[in-house]
Protein backbone atom coordinates (compact mmCIF):
# COMPACT_ATOMS: atom_id res chain seq x y z
CA UNK A 1 139.87 155.55 26.49
CA UNK A 2 141.37 156.75 23.19
CA UNK A 3 139.69 154.63 20.54
CA UNK A 4 142.70 154.88 18.01
CA UNK A 5 145.09 154.15 20.69
CA UNK A 6 143.09 151.12 21.93
CA UNK A 7 142.76 149.73 18.45
CA UNK A 8 146.48 150.02 17.84
CA UNK A 9 147.35 148.26 20.83
CA UNK A 10 144.59 145.62 20.57
CA UNK A 11 146.01 145.03 16.93
CA UNK A 12 149.58 144.53 18.40
CA UNK A 13 148.17 142.04 21.05
CA UNK A 14 146.46 140.01 18.55
CA UNK A 15 149.44 139.88 16.06
CA UNK A 16 151.64 138.68 18.94
CA UNK A 17 149.04 135.84 19.66
CA UNK A 18 148.77 134.98 15.80
CA UNK A 19 152.55 134.86 15.51
CA UNK A 20 152.68 132.25 18.51
CA UNK A 21 149.52 130.42 17.03
CA UNK A 22 147.87 130.74 20.35
CA UNK A 23 144.54 132.00 21.66
CA UNK A 24 144.58 135.62 23.24
CA UNK A 25 145.98 135.56 26.78
CA UNK A 26 147.67 138.11 29.19
CA UNK A 27 150.99 137.08 28.15
CA UNK A 28 150.52 138.40 24.74
CA UNK A 29 149.70 141.90 26.20
CA UNK A 30 152.87 141.85 28.01
CA UNK A 31 155.10 140.74 25.14
CA UNK A 32 153.44 143.00 22.81
CA UNK A 33 154.04 145.85 25.16
CA UNK A 34 157.86 144.98 25.62
CA UNK A 35 158.12 144.87 21.79
CA UNK A 36 156.18 148.11 21.02
CA UNK A 37 157.87 150.15 23.87
CA UNK A 38 161.47 148.76 23.34
CA UNK A 39 161.66 147.41 26.96
CA UNK A 40 163.66 144.57 28.42
CA UNK A 41 161.08 143.04 30.44
CA UNK A 42 157.57 143.07 31.95
CA UNK A 43 155.81 141.63 35.13
CA UNK A 44 152.25 141.23 35.36
CA UNK A 45 151.06 141.05 38.92
CA UNK A 46 147.22 140.24 39.85
CA UNK A 47 145.41 139.90 42.95
CA UNK A 48 145.09 136.20 44.12
CA UNK A 49 143.00 136.90 47.43
CA UNK A 50 142.09 139.63 49.69
CA UNK A 51 145.29 141.77 50.28
CA UNK A 52 147.42 139.26 48.33
CA UNK A 53 149.05 139.48 44.94
CA UNK A 54 150.70 136.98 42.63
CA UNK A 55 152.57 136.81 39.35
CA UNK A 56 150.59 135.97 36.31
CA UNK A 57 153.31 136.48 33.78
CA UNK A 58 156.72 137.55 33.60
CA UNK A 59 159.24 138.00 30.63
CA UNK A 60 162.79 139.37 30.39
CA UNK A 61 166.03 138.46 32.21
CA UNK A 62 165.89 138.51 35.77
CA UNK A 63 162.17 139.87 35.94
CA UNK A 64 160.96 136.87 37.74
CA UNK A 65 163.23 137.27 40.71
CA UNK A 66 162.37 141.22 40.72
CA UNK A 67 158.62 140.29 40.69
CA UNK A 68 159.12 138.02 43.69
CA UNK A 69 161.27 140.33 45.56
CA UNK A 70 158.64 143.19 45.24
CA UNK A 71 156.06 140.88 46.70
CA UNK A 72 158.20 139.60 49.46
CA UNK A 73 159.56 142.83 50.46
CA UNK A 74 156.30 144.84 50.08
CA UNK A 75 158.61 147.42 48.38
CA UNK A 76 159.12 148.77 44.72
CA UNK A 77 157.60 150.82 42.08
CA UNK A 78 154.65 148.11 41.58
CA UNK A 79 153.82 147.97 45.13
CA UNK A 80 153.76 151.86 45.20
CA UNK A 81 151.51 151.93 42.13
CA UNK A 82 149.17 149.47 43.48
CA UNK A 83 148.79 151.33 46.92
CA UNK A 84 148.42 154.58 45.07
CA UNK A 85 146.23 153.78 42.19
CA UNK A 86 148.54 155.78 39.83
CA UNK A 87 151.61 155.04 37.61
CA UNK A 88 155.06 155.32 39.28
CA UNK A 89 158.03 156.02 36.99
CA UNK A 90 161.47 155.28 38.37
CA UNK A 91 163.82 156.89 35.79
CA UNK A 92 167.07 155.64 37.41
CA UNK A 93 166.89 152.94 40.00
CA UNK A 94 170.70 153.72 40.79
CA UNK A 95 169.96 157.26 41.64
CA UNK A 96 169.63 158.56 45.39
CA UNK A 97 165.91 158.78 45.13
CA UNK A 98 165.58 155.33 44.23
CA UNK A 99 167.69 154.09 47.10
CA UNK A 100 165.62 156.33 49.59
CA UNK A 101 162.28 155.09 48.32
CA UNK A 102 163.05 151.52 47.65
CA UNK A 103 166.43 150.81 49.33
CA UNK A 104 166.62 147.06 49.11
CA UNK A 105 164.55 146.50 45.80
CA UNK A 106 166.36 149.36 43.89
CA UNK A 107 169.91 148.02 44.62
CA UNK A 108 168.75 144.51 43.59
CA UNK A 109 167.27 145.72 40.44
CA UNK A 110 170.43 147.62 39.40
CA UNK A 111 172.58 144.50 40.25
CA UNK A 112 170.41 142.27 37.93
CA UNK A 113 170.87 145.00 34.98
CA UNK A 114 167.61 146.88 35.19
CA UNK A 115 168.14 150.75 35.70
CA UNK A 116 164.76 152.04 35.21
CA UNK A 117 161.06 150.90 35.45
CA UNK A 118 157.58 152.25 35.42
CA UNK A 119 154.49 150.60 36.97
CA UNK A 120 150.91 150.93 35.68
CA UNK A 121 148.30 149.91 38.21
CA UNK A 122 145.50 147.67 37.09
CA UNK A 123 142.76 149.78 38.56
CA UNK A 124 139.11 150.49 37.91
CA UNK A 125 138.17 153.45 39.94
CA UNK A 126 138.91 152.67 43.53
CA UNK A 127 139.36 148.85 42.82
CA UNK A 128 142.96 148.09 42.55
CA UNK A 129 143.59 144.59 41.27
CA UNK A 130 147.21 144.41 40.21
CA UNK A 131 150.06 146.05 38.24
CA UNK A 132 152.00 145.86 35.15
CA UNK A 133 155.67 146.57 35.77
CA UNK A 134 157.82 147.56 32.87
CA UNK A 135 161.71 147.35 32.69
CA UNK A 136 164.50 148.95 30.93
CA UNK A 137 168.21 148.04 31.16
CA UNK A 138 169.03 151.81 30.40
CA UNK A 139 168.13 154.65 32.74
CA UNK A 140 165.31 157.01 31.54
CA UNK A 141 161.69 157.88 31.75
CA UNK A 142 158.77 157.24 29.32
CA UNK A 143 157.56 160.02 27.28
CA UNK A 144 153.80 161.04 27.45
CA UNK A 145 152.70 158.76 24.54
CA UNK A 146 154.67 155.84 25.77
CA UNK A 147 153.20 155.96 29.28
CA UNK A 148 149.58 156.49 27.60
CA UNK A 149 150.46 153.38 25.60
CA UNK A 150 151.55 151.47 28.55
CA UNK A 151 148.14 152.32 30.42
CA UNK A 152 146.22 150.79 27.48
CA UNK A 153 148.51 147.57 27.38
CA UNK A 154 147.69 147.22 31.01
CA UNK A 155 143.96 147.69 30.64
CA UNK A 156 144.12 145.17 27.81
CA UNK A 157 145.99 142.78 30.12
CA UNK A 158 143.40 143.09 32.65
CA UNK A 159 140.66 142.24 30.04
CA UNK A 160 142.61 139.05 29.20
CA UNK A 161 143.06 138.10 32.78
CA UNK A 162 139.39 138.42 33.34
CA UNK A 163 138.63 136.25 30.33
CA UNK A 164 141.30 133.73 31.09
CA UNK A 165 140.02 133.17 34.54
CA UNK A 166 136.21 133.03 33.26
CA UNK A 167 136.94 130.40 30.64
CA UNK A 168 136.43 133.07 27.71
CA UNK A 169 137.92 132.62 24.34
CA UNK A 170 138.72 136.33 23.48
CA UNK A 171 137.96 136.96 20.03
CA UNK A 172 140.91 138.66 18.06
CA UNK A 173 138.82 141.72 16.98
CA UNK A 174 138.14 144.98 18.97
CA UNK A 175 136.24 143.90 22.08
CA UNK A 176 133.22 146.20 22.76
CA UNK A 177 133.23 145.35 26.43
CA UNK A 178 136.61 146.86 27.18
CA UNK A 179 135.36 150.27 27.72
CA UNK A 180 132.60 149.13 29.84
CA UNK A 181 135.21 147.84 32.47
CA UNK A 182 135.68 151.56 33.38
CA UNK A 183 132.01 152.26 33.99
CA UNK A 184 131.16 153.42 37.50
CA UNK A 185 128.25 150.87 37.82
CA UNK A 186 130.59 147.89 36.85
CA UNK A 187 133.10 148.87 39.75
CA UNK A 188 130.04 149.31 42.15
CA UNK A 189 128.70 145.87 41.04
CA UNK A 190 131.97 144.35 41.47
CA UNK A 191 132.38 145.67 44.98
CA UNK A 192 128.78 144.38 45.87
CA UNK A 193 129.39 141.04 44.50
CA UNK A 194 132.85 140.74 46.34
CA UNK A 195 130.91 141.62 49.51
CA UNK A 196 128.04 139.37 48.93
CA UNK A 197 129.95 136.21 48.17
CA UNK A 198 133.22 136.98 50.13
CA UNK A 199 135.28 136.58 47.09
CA UNK A 200 138.22 139.10 46.02
CA UNK A 201 137.20 141.90 43.83
CA UNK A 202 138.94 140.45 40.81
CA UNK A 203 137.00 137.18 41.13
CA UNK A 204 133.71 139.34 41.26
CA UNK A 205 134.91 141.04 38.14
CA UNK A 206 135.59 137.69 36.45
CA UNK A 207 132.03 136.67 36.99
CA UNK A 208 130.29 139.47 35.95
CA UNK A 209 132.44 139.73 32.54
CA UNK A 210 131.84 135.95 32.16
CA UNK A 211 127.93 136.21 32.72
CA UNK A 212 127.82 139.31 30.35
CA UNK A 213 129.81 137.45 27.60
CA UNK A 214 127.88 134.05 27.82
CA UNK A 215 124.53 135.84 27.85
CA UNK A 216 125.61 138.16 25.01
CA UNK A 217 124.48 141.21 27.08
CA UNK A 218 126.49 144.49 27.63
CA UNK A 219 128.47 144.33 30.79
CA UNK A 220 127.02 147.66 31.84
CA UNK A 221 123.48 146.09 31.83
CA UNK A 222 124.38 143.21 33.91
CA UNK A 223 126.19 145.49 36.42
CA UNK A 224 123.19 147.89 36.41
CA UNK A 225 120.78 144.88 37.39
CA UNK A 226 123.08 144.03 40.23
CA UNK A 227 123.42 147.21 41.52
CA UNK A 228 119.38 147.63 41.49
CA UNK A 229 119.34 144.22 43.08
CA UNK A 230 117.50 142.76 40.15
CA UNK A 231 120.18 140.01 39.63
CA UNK A 232 122.26 138.17 42.05
CA UNK A 233 125.34 135.82 41.61
CA UNK A 234 124.95 132.22 43.22
CA UNK A 235 127.82 131.11 45.17
CA UNK A 236 128.64 128.55 42.55
CA UNK A 237 129.62 131.39 40.23
CA UNK A 238 127.92 129.71 37.26
CA UNK A 239 125.59 132.70 36.61
CA UNK A 240 123.13 135.20 37.82
CA UNK A 241 119.66 134.58 39.14
CA UNK A 242 116.99 136.96 40.13
CA UNK A 243 116.78 137.77 43.92
CA UNK A 244 113.92 136.28 45.91
CA UNK A 245 110.65 137.78 44.89
CA UNK A 246 111.98 139.58 41.79
CA UNK A 247 110.21 139.03 38.60
């Protein structure tokens, strides 16, 4: 992750929270992204269970309805971004390509005043846990810098989702744990915890992140211990314990 870009995005998100006199939350990442990229709306969708998604935050006229429509139809740029694990750009939803790829969703989006959108998956390696949908009332595609910014806003939103669900009061400064979310051992540990406890991958990430935060340990250290089977998360999700027989 580009450190300067991450610093700039985190500062914008923190400023949005201060303006509202609120603790940092996923909504602030969405609102800051809309402001910084001159958008008309945003929708944050995250995994709520195995194979299911739900809206976490939406802002902008008509975005709540479009978010629900994507989830109901299983159709739209956001759905495609989650399935592919790559950003999906729809420069003009009224164009023939939009009608071909998302016939119902594209027509409804145009009717509700949204002509373009791009969707950034919340993905860590092969783990796909949601998407950030970004809407504009005018046709057009983001340039490279805008798309890179959107990716970092999506990454920041994911961290804030983890912290919100884990009961962590995210500090306003730069969080050194964020780059660790993209470490391969963290992805592997999340997959192991998900299988061991029968919980969605997002919940496994929440538990890993919460444990690292509360024990004041690097997330990568906790993940490595899980992968090496030196630590195991109990079913109550309150923390880690050594496996039977481990020192």
